[in-house]
Amino acid sequence: MPKPNIHPQWYPEAKVYCDGEVVMTVGSTKPELHVDIWSGNHPFFTGTQKILDAEGRVERFRRKYSGSTKAQQTPKGKKGTDKAVAKTNSPKASKKR
């Protein structure tokens, strides 16, 4: 049994409105609910969903990254950049130690 005077009032027949029309009744703590989208007009549930992307995501990814990248342009023998090599061989690096 719920404690008295601590729970909100329950409306078992609360009306749900979408675009000014009553679309269903549900139980709620508010007598009226106003919504923009419900299952009766949502494209997923009505089957009128439009696919905006004619190409697949994988195809778009392959097309975007099919060209050469920086990792492919560096020679296989070298690791790191010339700046990193210059820092280790610089006179300032040896003076600090």
PDB file of N, CA and C in Angstrom:
ATOM      1  N   MET A   1       0.836  -1.178   0.000  1.00  0.00           N
ATOM      2  CA  MET A   1       0.000   0.000   0.000  1.00  0.00           C
ATOM      3  C   MET A   1       0.884   1.245   0.000  1.00  0.00           C
ATOM      4  N   PRO A   2       0.706   2.187  -0.949  1.00  0.00           N
ATOM      5  CA  PRO A   2       1.535   3.389  -0.975  1.00  0.00           C
ATOM      6  C   PRO A   2       1.242   4.290   0.225  1.00  0.00           C
ATOM      7  N   LYS A   3       2.260   5.018   0.627  1.00  0.00           N
ATOM      8  CA  LYS A   3       2.092   5.968   1.726  1.00  0.00           C
ATOM      9  C   LYS A   3       1.177   7.107   1.290  1.00  0.00           C
ATOM     10  N   PRO A   4       0.333   7.593   2.160  1.00  0.00           N
ATOM     11  CA  PRO A   4      -0.581   8.687   1.778  1.00  0.00           C
ATOM     12  C   PRO A   4       0.149  10.027   1.680  1.00  0.00           C
ATOM     13  N   ASN A   5      -0.310  10.868   0.791  1.00  0.00           N
ATOM     14  CA  ASN A   5       0.119  12.270   0.633  1.00  0.00           C
ATOM     15  C   ASN A   5       1.561  12.452   0.152  1.00  0.00           C
ATOM     16  N   ILE A   6       2.211  11.435  -0.432  1.00  0.00           N
ATOM     17  CA  ILE A   6       3.551  11.652  -0.972  1.00  0.00           C
ATOM     18  C   ILE A   6       3.613  11.355  -2.466  1.00  0.00           C
ATOM     19  N   HIS A   7       2.616  10.703  -3.029  1.00  0.00           N
ATOM     20  CA  HIS A   7       2.616  10.338  -4.434  1.00  0.00           C
ATOM     21  C   HIS A   7       1.791  11.337  -5.244  1.00  0.00           C
ATOM     22  N   PRO A   8       2.199  11.607  -6.504  1.00  0.00           N
ATOM     23  CA  PRO A   8       1.404  12.507  -7.345  1.00  0.00           C
ATOM     24  C   PRO A   8       0.081  11.840  -7.735  1.00  0.00           C
ATOM     25  N   GLN A   9      -0.853  12.664  -8.138  1.00  0.00           N
ATOM     26  CA  GLN A   9      -2.152  12.131  -8.554  1.00  0.00           C
ATOM     27  C   GLN A   9      -1.986  11.327  -9.837  1.00  0.00           C
ATOM     28  N   TRP A  10      -2.646  10.187  -9.926  1.00  0.00           N
ATOM     29  CA  TRP A  10      -2.551   9.302 -11.085  1.00  0.00           C
ATOM     30  C   TRP A  10      -3.800   9.449 -11.952  1.00  0.00           C
ATOM     31  N   TYR A  11      -3.575   9.667 -13.248  1.00  0.00           N
ATOM     32  CA  TYR A  11      -4.663   9.779 -14.210  1.00  0.00           C
ATOM     33  C   TYR A  11      -4.630   8.526 -15.094  1.00  0.00           C
ATOM     34  N   PRO A  12      -5.507   7.570 -14.871  1.00  0.00           N
ATOM     35  CA  PRO A  12      -5.472   6.330 -15.652  1.00  0.00           C
ATOM     36  C   PRO A  12      -5.901   6.519 -17.107  1.00  0.00           C
ATOM     37  N   GLU A  13      -6.607   7.568 -17.408  1.00  0.00           N
ATOM     38  CA  GLU A  13      -7.080   7.830 -18.772  1.00  0.00           C
ATOM     39  C   GLU A  13      -6.529   9.164 -19.288  1.00  0.00           C
ATOM     40  N   ALA A  14      -5.220   9.366 -19.172  1.00  0.00           N
ATOM     41  CA  ALA A  14      -4.604  10.593 -19.680  1.00  0.00           C
ATOM     42  C   ALA A  14      -4.607  10.557 -21.206  1.00  0.00           C
ATOM     43  N   LYS A  15      -4.956  11.662 -21.825  1.00  0.00           N
ATOM     44  CA  LYS A  15      -5.045  11.726 -23.285  1.00  0.00           C
ATOM     45  C   LYS A  15      -3.728  12.227 -23.866  1.00  0.00           C
ATOM     46  N   VAL A  16      -3.290  11.573 -24.940  1.00  0.00           N
ATOM     47  CA  VAL A  16      -2.061  11.954 -25.645  1.00  0.00           C
ATOM     48  C   VAL A  16      -2.481  12.652 -26.928  1.00  0.00           C
ATOM     49  N   TYR A  17      -1.999  13.889 -27.111  1.00  0.00           N
ATOM     50  CA  TYR A  17      -2.329  14.690 -28.283  1.00  0.00           C
ATOM     51  C   TYR A  17      -1.111  14.812 -29.194  1.00  0.00           C
ATOM     52  N   CYS A  18      -1.364  14.649 -30.490  1.00  0.00           N
ATOM     53  CA  CYS A  18      -0.336  14.892 -31.505  1.00  0.00           C
ATOM     54  C   CYS A  18      -0.999  15.691 -32.622  1.00  0.00           C
ATOM     55  N   ASP A  19      -0.458  16.857 -32.921  1.00  0.00           N
ATOM     56  CA  ASP A  19      -1.019  17.770 -33.932  1.00  0.00           C
ATOM     57  C   ASP A  19      -2.476  18.120 -33.629  1.00  0.00           C
ATOM     58  N   GLY A  20      -2.800  18.286 -32.351  1.00  0.00           N
ATOM     59  CA  GLY A  20      -4.134  18.698 -31.958  1.00  0.00           C
ATOM     60  C   GLY A  20      -5.168  17.587 -31.931  1.00  0.00           C
ATOM     61  N   GLU A  21      -4.792  16.356 -32.235  1.00  0.00           N
ATOM     62  CA  GLU A  21      -5.720  15.235 -32.240  1.00  0.00           C
ATOM     63  C   GLU A  21      -5.367  14.265 -31.120  1.00  0.00           C
ATOM     64  N   VAL A  22      -6.375  13.657 -30.519  1.00  0.00           N
ATOM     65  CA  VAL A  22      -6.145  12.635 -29.506  1.00  0.00           C
ATOM     66  C   VAL A  22      -5.722  11.360 -30.236  1.00  0.00           C
ATOM     67  N   VAL A  23      -4.537  10.856 -29.920  1.00  0.00           N
ATOM     68  CA  VAL A  23      -4.039   9.666 -30.610  1.00  0.00           C
ATOM     69  C   VAL A  23      -4.132   8.419 -29.745  1.00  0.00           C
ATOM     70  N   MET A  24      -4.130   8.556 -28.424  1.00  0.00           N
ATOM     71  CA  MET A  24      -4.257   7.404 -27.544  1.00  0.00           C
ATOM     72  C   MET A  24      -4.500   7.880 -26.125  1.00  0.00           C
ATOM     73  N   THR A  25      -4.819   6.950 -25.256  1.00  0.00           N
ATOM     74  CA  THR A  25      -4.942   7.247 -23.834  1.00  0.00           C
ATOM     75  C   THR A  25      -4.007   6.317 -23.080  1.00  0.00           C
ATOM     76  N   VAL A  26      -3.349   6.863 -22.092  1.00  0.00           N
ATOM     77  CA  VAL A  26      -2.391   6.108 -21.280  1.00  0.00           C
ATOM     78  C   VAL A  26      -2.547   6.528 -19.825  1.00  0.00           C
ATOM     79  N   GLY A  27      -1.917   5.800 -18.927  1.00  0.00           N
ATOM     80  CA  GLY A  27      -1.868   6.201 -17.539  1.00  0.00           C
ATOM     81  C   GLY A  27      -0.696   7.138 -17.323  1.00  0.00           C
ATOM     82  N   SER A  28      -0.916   8.236 -16.604  1.00  0.00           N
ATOM     83  CA  SER A  28       0.141   9.226 -16.419  1.00  0.00           C
ATOM     84  C   SER A  28      -0.135  10.054 -15.170  1.00  0.00           C
ATOM     85  N   THR A  29       0.858  10.803 -14.754  1.00  0.00           N
ATOM     86  CA  THR A  29       0.689  11.734 -13.642  1.00  0.00           C
ATOM     87  C   THR A  29       0.195  13.086 -14.124  1.00  0.00           C
ATOM     88  N   LYS A  30       0.027  13.242 -15.443  1.00  0.00           N
ATOM     89  CA  LYS A  30      -0.514  14.469 -16.023  1.00  0.00           C
ATOM     90  C   LYS A  30      -1.783  14.110 -16.783  1.00  0.00           C
ATOM     91  N   PRO A  31      -2.790  14.971 -16.759  1.00  0.00           N
ATOM     92  CA  PRO A  31      -4.044  14.628 -17.445  1.00  0.00           C
ATOM     93  C   PRO A  31      -3.944  14.677 -18.965  1.00  0.00           C
ATOM     94  N   GLU A  32      -3.018  15.483 -19.515  1.00  0.00           N
ATOM     95  CA  GLU A  32      -2.843  15.603 -20.961  1.00  0.00           C
ATOM     96  C   GLU A  32      -1.358  15.578 -21.296  1.00  0.00           C
ATOM     97  N   LEU A  33      -1.016  14.904 -22.373  1.00  0.00           N
ATOM     98  CA  LEU A  33       0.360  14.868 -22.871  1.00  0.00           C
ATOM     99  C   LEU A  33       0.342  15.331 -24.320  1.00  0.00           C
ATOM    100  N   HIS A  34       1.229  16.265 -24.660  1.00  0.00           N
ATOM    101  CA  HIS A  34       1.336  16.768 -26.029  1.00  0.00           C
ATOM    102  C   HIS A  34       2.677  16.324 -26.598  1.00  0.00           C
ATOM    103  N   VAL A  35       2.636  15.571 -27.703  1.00  0.00           N
ATOM    104  CA  VAL A  35       3.847  15.030 -28.321  1.00  0.00           C
ATOM    105  C   VAL A  35       3.919  15.467 -29.774  1.00  0.00           C
ATOM    106  N   ASP A  36       5.131  15.461 -30.317  1.00  0.00           N
ATOM    107  CA  ASP A  36       5.337  15.793 -31.725  1.00  0.00           C
ATOM    108  C   ASP A  36       5.313  14.539 -32.595  1.00  0.00           C
ATOM    109  N   ILE A  37       5.864  13.451 -32.073  1.00  0.00           N
ATOM    110  CA  ILE A  37       5.981  12.211 -32.833  1.00  0.00           C
ATOM    111  C   ILE A  37       5.470  11.067 -31.984  1.00  0.00           C
ATOM    112  N   TRP A  38       4.739  10.176 -32.589  1.00  0.00           N
ATOM    113  CA  TRP A  38       4.310   8.946 -31.944  1.00  0.00           C
ATOM    114  C   TRP A  38       4.367   7.836 -32.979  1.00  0.00           C
ATOM    115  N   SER A  39       4.092   6.623 -32.599  1.00  0.00           N
ATOM    116  CA  SER A  39       4.261   5.490 -33.512  1.00  0.00           C
ATOM    117  C   SER A  39       3.352   5.567 -34.734  1.00  0.00           C
ATOM    118  N   GLY A  40       2.278   6.314 -34.667  1.00  0.00           N
ATOM    119  CA  GLY A  40       1.369   6.435 -35.807  1.00  0.00           C
ATOM    120  C   GLY A  40       1.876   7.341 -36.908  1.00  0.00           C
ATOM    121  N   ASN A  41       2.818   8.255 -36.596  1.00  0.00           N
ATOM    122  CA  ASN A  41       3.328   9.132 -37.655  1.00  0.00           C
ATOM    123  C   ASN A  41       4.850   9.079 -37.781  1.00  0.00           C
ATOM    124  N   HIS A  42       5.512   8.196 -37.065  1.00  0.00           N
ATOM    125  CA  HIS A  42       6.969   8.070 -37.175  1.00  0.00           C
ATOM    126  C   HIS A  42       7.301   7.212 -38.392  1.00  0.00           C
ATOM    127  N   PRO A  43       8.255   7.646 -39.228  1.00  0.00           N
ATOM    128  CA  PRO A  43       8.568   6.912 -40.459  1.00  0.00           C
ATOM    129  C   PRO A  43       9.012   5.463 -40.231  1.00  0.00           C
ATOM    130  N   PHE A  44       9.657   5.178 -39.121  1.00  0.00           N
ATOM    131  CA  PHE A  44      10.099   3.806 -38.864  1.00  0.00           C
ATOM    132  C   PHE A  44       8.902   2.871 -38.718  1.00  0.00           C
ATOM    133  N   PHE A  45       7.880   3.306 -38.030  1.00  0.00           N
ATOM    134  CA  PHE A  45       6.723   2.455 -37.780  1.00  0.00           C
ATOM    135  C   PHE A  45       5.726   2.452 -38.932  1.00  0.00           C
ATOM    136  N   THR A  46       5.672   3.529 -39.699  1.00  0.00           N
ATOM    137  CA  THR A  46       4.715   3.596 -40.808  1.00  0.00           C
ATOM    138  C   THR A  46       5.246   2.965 -42.080  1.00  0.00           C
ATOM    139  N   GLY A  47       6.548   2.716 -42.151  1.00  0.00           N
ATOM    140  CA  GLY A  47       7.134   2.097 -43.341  1.00  0.00           C
ATOM    141  C   GLY A  47       7.434   3.084 -44.445  1.00  0.00           C
ATOM    142  N   THR A  48       7.386   4.368 -44.171  1.00  0.00           N
ATOM    143  CA  THR A  48       7.663   5.391 -45.185  1.00  0.00           C
ATOM    144  C   THR A  48       9.041   6.007 -45.000  1.00  0.00           C
ATOM    145  N   GLN A  49       9.914   5.277 -44.334  1.00  0.00           N
ATOM    146  CA  GLN A  49      11.250   5.807 -44.065  1.00  0.00           C
ATOM    147  C   GLN A  49      12.031   5.913 -45.362  1.00  0.00           C
ATOM    148  N   LYS A  50      12.622   7.079 -45.595  1.00  0.00           N
ATOM    149  CA  LYS A  50      13.413   7.321 -46.793  1.00  0.00           C
ATOM    150  C   LYS A  50      14.873   7.081 -46.477  1.00  0.00           C
ATOM    151  N   ILE A  51      15.556   6.398 -47.364  1.00  0.00           N
ATOM    152  CA  ILE A  51      16.992   6.178 -47.185  1.00  0.00           C
ATOM    153  C   ILE A  51      17.702   7.306 -47.921  1.00  0.00           C
ATOM    154  N   LEU A  52      18.352   8.163 -47.171  1.00  0.00           N
ATOM    155  CA  LEU A  52      19.007   9.326 -47.757  1.00  0.00           C
ATOM    156  C   LEU A  52      20.322   8.960 -48.418  1.00  0.00           C
ATOM    157  N   ASP A  53      20.988   7.948 -47.902  1.00  0.00           N
ATOM    158  CA  ASP A  53      22.293   7.560 -48.407  1.00  0.00           C
ATOM    159  C   ASP A  53      22.108   6.422 -49.401  1.00  0.00           C
ATOM    160  N   ALA A  54      22.241   6.732 -50.706  1.00  0.00           N
ATOM    161  CA  ALA A  54      22.080   5.699 -51.719  1.00  0.00           C
ATOM    162  C   ALA A  54      23.233   4.709 -51.668  1.00  0.00           C
ATOM    163  N   GLU A  55      24.431   5.210 -51.373  1.00  0.00           N
ATOM    164  CA  GLU A  55      25.588   4.333 -51.230  1.00  0.00           C
ATOM    165  C   GLU A  55      25.660   3.848 -49.798  1.00  0.00           C
ATOM    166  N   GLY A  56      26.258   2.716 -49.587  1.00  0.00           N
ATOM    167  CA  GLY A  56      26.435   2.199 -48.240  1.00  0.00           C
ATOM    168  C   GLY A  56      27.548   2.925 -47.516  1.00  0.00           C
ATOM    169  N   ARG A  57      27.562   2.829 -46.212  1.00  0.00           N
ATOM    170  CA  ARG A  57      28.596   3.490 -45.424  1.00  0.00           C
ATOM    171  C   ARG A  57      29.966   2.885 -45.687  1.00  0.00           C
ATOM    172  N   VAL A  58      30.011   1.580 -45.880  1.00  0.00           N
ATOM    173  CA  VAL A  58      31.289   0.921 -46.136  1.00  0.00           C
ATOM    174  C   VAL A  58      31.858   1.402 -47.464  1.00  0.00           C
ATOM    175  N   GLU A  59      31.012   1.509 -48.474  1.00  0.00           N
ATOM    176  CA  GLU A  59      31.472   1.980 -49.779  1.00  0.00           C
ATOM    177  C   GLU A  59      31.989   3.407 -49.691  1.00  0.00           C
ATOM    178  N   ARG A  60      31.313   4.253 -48.942  1.00  0.00           N
ATOM    179  CA  ARG A  60      31.760   5.634 -48.767  1.00  0.00           C
ATOM    180  C   ARG A  60      33.102   5.676 -48.040  1.00  0.00           C
ATOM    181  N   PHE A  61      33.264   4.811 -47.033  1.00  0.00           N
ATOM    182  CA  PHE A  61      34.521   4.745 -46.298  1.00  0.00           C
ATOM    183  C   PHE A  61      35.652   4.300 -47.221  1.00  0.00           C
ATOM    184  N   ARG A  62      35.406   3.273 -48.016  1.00  0.00           N
ATOM    185  CA  ARG A  62      36.444   2.775 -48.948  1.00  0.00           C
ATOM    186  C   ARG A  62      36.823   3.837 -49.965  1.00  0.00           C
ATOM    187  N   ARG A  63      35.823   4.557 -50.467  1.00  0.00           N
ATOM    188  CA  ARG A  63      36.113   5.599 -51.456  1.00  0.00           C
ATOM    189  C   ARG A  63      36.926   6.728 -50.821  1.00  0.00           C
ATOM    190  N   LYS A  64      36.605   7.075 -49.583  1.00  0.00           N
ATOM    191  CA  LYS A  64      37.283   8.175 -48.897  1.00  0.00           C
ATOM    192  C   LYS A  64      38.731   7.830 -48.581  1.00  0.00           C
ATOM    193  N   TYR A  65      38.962   6.594 -48.147  1.00  0.00           N
ATOM    194  CA  TYR A  65      40.300   6.219 -47.706  1.00  0.00           C
ATOM    195  C   TYR A  65      41.042   5.309 -48.686  1.00  0.00           C
ATOM    196  N   SER A  66      40.596   5.220 -49.919  1.00  0.00           N
ATOM    197  CA  SER A  66      41.265   4.365 -50.884  1.00  0.00           C
ATOM    198  C   SER A  66      42.544   5.005 -51.417  1.00  0.00           C
ATOM    199  N   GLY A  67      42.677   6.319 -51.330  1.00  0.00           N
ATOM    200  CA  GLY A  67      43.871   7.011 -51.805  1.00  0.00           C
ATOM    201  C   GLY A  67      45.036   6.777 -50.863  1.00  0.00           C
ATOM    202  N   SER A  68      46.208   7.278 -51.233  1.00  0.00           N
ATOM    203  CA  SER A  68      47.385   7.076 -50.393  1.00  0.00           C
ATOM    204  C   SER A  68      47.285   7.930 -49.137  1.00  0.00           C
ATOM    205  N   THR A  69      47.810   7.402 -48.051  1.00  0.00           N
ATOM    206  CA  THR A  69      47.814   8.118 -46.784  1.00  0.00           C
ATOM    207  C   THR A  69      49.243   8.420 -46.398  1.00  0.00           C
ATOM    208  N   LYS A  70      49.461   9.178 -45.343  1.00  0.00           N
ATOM    209  CA  LYS A  70      50.800   9.523 -44.890  1.00  0.00           C
ATOM    210  C   LYS A  70      51.585   8.287 -44.483  1.00  0.00           C
ATOM    211  N   ALA A  71      50.913   7.313 -43.894  1.00  0.00           N
ATOM    212  CA  ALA A  71      51.595   6.090 -43.470  1.00  0.00           C
ATOM    213  C   ALA A  71      52.119   5.326 -44.677  1.00  0.00           C
ATOM    214  N   GLN A  72      51.419   5.382 -45.797  1.00  0.00           N
ATOM    215  CA  GLN A  72      51.868   4.689 -46.991  1.00  0.00           C
ATOM    216  C   GLN A  72      52.972   5.457 -47.701  1.00  0.00           C
ATOM    217  N   GLN A  73      53.092   6.751 -47.504  1.00  0.00           N
ATOM    218  CA  GLN A  73      54.069   7.560 -48.199  1.00  0.00           C
ATOM    219  C   GLN A  73      55.449   7.502 -47.545  1.00  0.00           C
ATOM    220  N   THR A  74      55.559   7.179 -46.266  1.00  0.00           N
ATOM    221  CA  THR A  74      56.864   7.141 -45.611  1.00  0.00           C
ATOM    222  C   THR A  74      57.613   5.893 -46.030  1.00  0.00           C
ATOM    223  N   PRO A  75      58.933   5.991 -46.207  1.00  0.00           N
ATOM    224  CA  PRO A  75      59.713   4.815 -46.573  1.00  0.00           C
ATOM    225  C   PRO A  75      59.687   3.781 -45.450  1.00  0.00           C
ATOM    226  N   LYS A  76      59.791   2.513 -45.816  1.00  0.00           N
ATOM    227  CA  LYS A  76      59.696   1.443 -44.834  1.00  0.00           C
ATOM    228  C   LYS A  76      60.893   1.417 -43.893  1.00  0.00           C
ATOM    229  N   GLY A  77      62.064   1.823 -44.335  1.00  0.00           N
ATOM    230  CA  GLY A  77      63.263   1.766 -43.508  1.00  0.00           C
ATOM    231  C   GLY A  77      63.278   2.804 -42.400  1.00  0.00           C
ATOM    232  N   LYS A  78      62.649   3.939 -42.605  1.00  0.00           N
ATOM    233  CA  LYS A  78      62.670   5.020 -41.627  1.00  0.00           C
ATOM    234  C   LYS A  78      61.521   4.884 -40.657  1.00  0.00           C
ATOM    235  N   LYS A  79      61.802   5.178 -39.410  1.00  0.00           N
ATOM    236  CA  LYS A  79      60.746   5.248 -38.414  1.00  0.00           C
ATOM    237  C   LYS A  79      60.846   6.619 -37.795  1.00  0.00           C
ATOM    238  N   GLY A  80      59.730   7.314 -37.690  1.00  0.00           N
ATOM    239  CA  GLY A  80      59.737   8.665 -37.149  1.00  0.00           C
ATOM    240  C   GLY A  80      59.973   9.681 -38.236  1.00  0.00           C
ATOM    241  N   THR A  81      60.080  10.929 -37.828  1.00  0.00           N
ATOM    242  CA  THR A  81      60.284  12.005 -38.787  1.00  0.00           C
ATOM    243  C   THR A  81      61.715  12.504 -38.705  1.00  0.00           C
ATOM    244  N   ASP A  82      62.083  13.350 -39.649  1.00  0.00           N
ATOM    245  CA  ASP A  82      63.426  13.932 -39.649  1.00  0.00           C
ATOM    246  C   ASP A  82      63.630  14.834 -38.446  1.00  0.00           C
ATOM    247  N   LYS A  83      62.589  15.470 -37.967  1.00  0.00           N
ATOM    248  CA  LYS A  83      62.700  16.346 -36.810  1.00  0.00           C
ATOM    249  C   LYS A  83      63.065  15.541 -35.570  1.00  0.00           C
ATOM    250  N   ALA A  84      62.503  14.353 -35.436  1.00  0.00           N
ATOM    251  CA  ALA A  84      62.812  13.522 -34.273  1.00  0.00           C
ATOM    252  C   ALA A  84      64.269  13.079 -34.316  1.00  0.00           C
ATOM    253  N   VAL A  85      64.779  12.768 -35.509  1.00  0.00           N
ATOM    254  CA  VAL A  85      66.181  12.370 -35.652  1.00  0.00           C
ATOM    255  C   VAL A  85      67.085  13.560 -35.370  1.00  0.00           C
ATOM    256  N   ALA A  86      66.698  14.751 -35.823  1.00  0.00           N
ATOM    257  CA  ALA A  86      67.501  15.949 -35.605  1.00  0.00           C
ATOM    258  C   ALA A  86      67.570  16.291 -34.120  1.00  0.00           C
ATOM    259  N   LYS A  87      66.521  16.064 -33.376  1.00  0.00           N
ATOM    260  CA  LYS A  87      66.521  16.368 -31.944  1.00  0.00           C
ATOM    261  C   LYS A  87      67.487  15.471 -31.192  1.00  0.00           C
ATOM    262  N   THR A  88      67.542  14.207 -31.554  1.00  0.00           N
ATOM    263  CA  THR A  88      68.423  13.295 -30.829  1.00  0.00           C
ATOM    264  C   THR A  88      69.891  13.539 -31.160  1.00  0.00           C
ATOM    265  N   ASN A  89      70.189  14.047 -32.354  1.00  0.00           N
ATOM    266  CA  ASN A  89      71.566  14.299 -32.755  1.00  0.00           C
ATOM    267  C   ASN A  89      71.996  15.743 -32.560  1.00  0.00           C
ATOM    268  N   SER A  90      71.147  16.566 -32.016  1.00  0.00           N
ATOM    269  CA  SER A  90      71.482  17.980 -31.885  1.00  0.00           C
ATOM    270  C   SER A  90      72.441  18.189 -30.713  1.00  0.00           C
ATOM    271  N   PRO A  91      73.249  19.246 -30.770  1.00  0.00           N
ATOM    272  CA  PRO A  91      74.181  19.517 -29.685  1.00  0.00           C
ATOM    273  C   PRO A  91      73.456  19.897 -28.395  1.00  0.00           C
ATOM    274  N   LYS A  92      72.275  20.499 -28.491  1.00  0.00           N
ATOM    275  CA  LYS A  92      71.530  20.876 -27.288  1.00  0.00           C
ATOM    276  C   LYS A  92      71.126  19.643 -26.498  1.00  0.00           C
ATOM    277  N   ALA A  93      70.751  18.570 -27.189  1.00  0.00           N
ATOM    278  CA  ALA A  93      70.320  17.348 -26.508  1.00  0.00           C
ATOM    279  C   ALA A  93      71.491  16.755 -25.726  1.00  0.00           C
ATOM    280  N   SER A  94      72.718  16.815 -26.259  1.00  0.00           N
ATOM    281  CA  SER A  94      73.853  16.233 -25.569  1.00  0.00           C
ATOM    282  C   SER A  94      74.328  17.119 -24.398  1.00  0.00           C
ATOM    283  N   LYS A  95      74.102  18.437 -24.463  1.00  0.00           N
ATOM    284  CA  LYS A  95      74.504  19.341 -23.384  1.00  0.00           C
ATOM    285  C   LYS A  95      73.631  19.171 -22.137  1.00  0.00           C
ATOM    286  N   LYS A  96      72.392  18.804 -22.332  1.00  0.00           N
ATOM    287  CA  LYS A  96      71.481  18.665 -21.212  1.00  0.00           C
ATOM    288  C   LYS A  96      71.877  17.508 -20.301  1.00  0.00           C
ATOM    289  N   ARG A  97      72.508  16.514 -20.818  1.00  0.00           N
ATOM    290  CA  ARG A  97      72.860  15.338 -20.009  1.00  0.00           C
ATOM    291  C   ARG A  97      74.133  15.577 -19.331  1.00  0.00           C
TER     292      ARG A  97
END
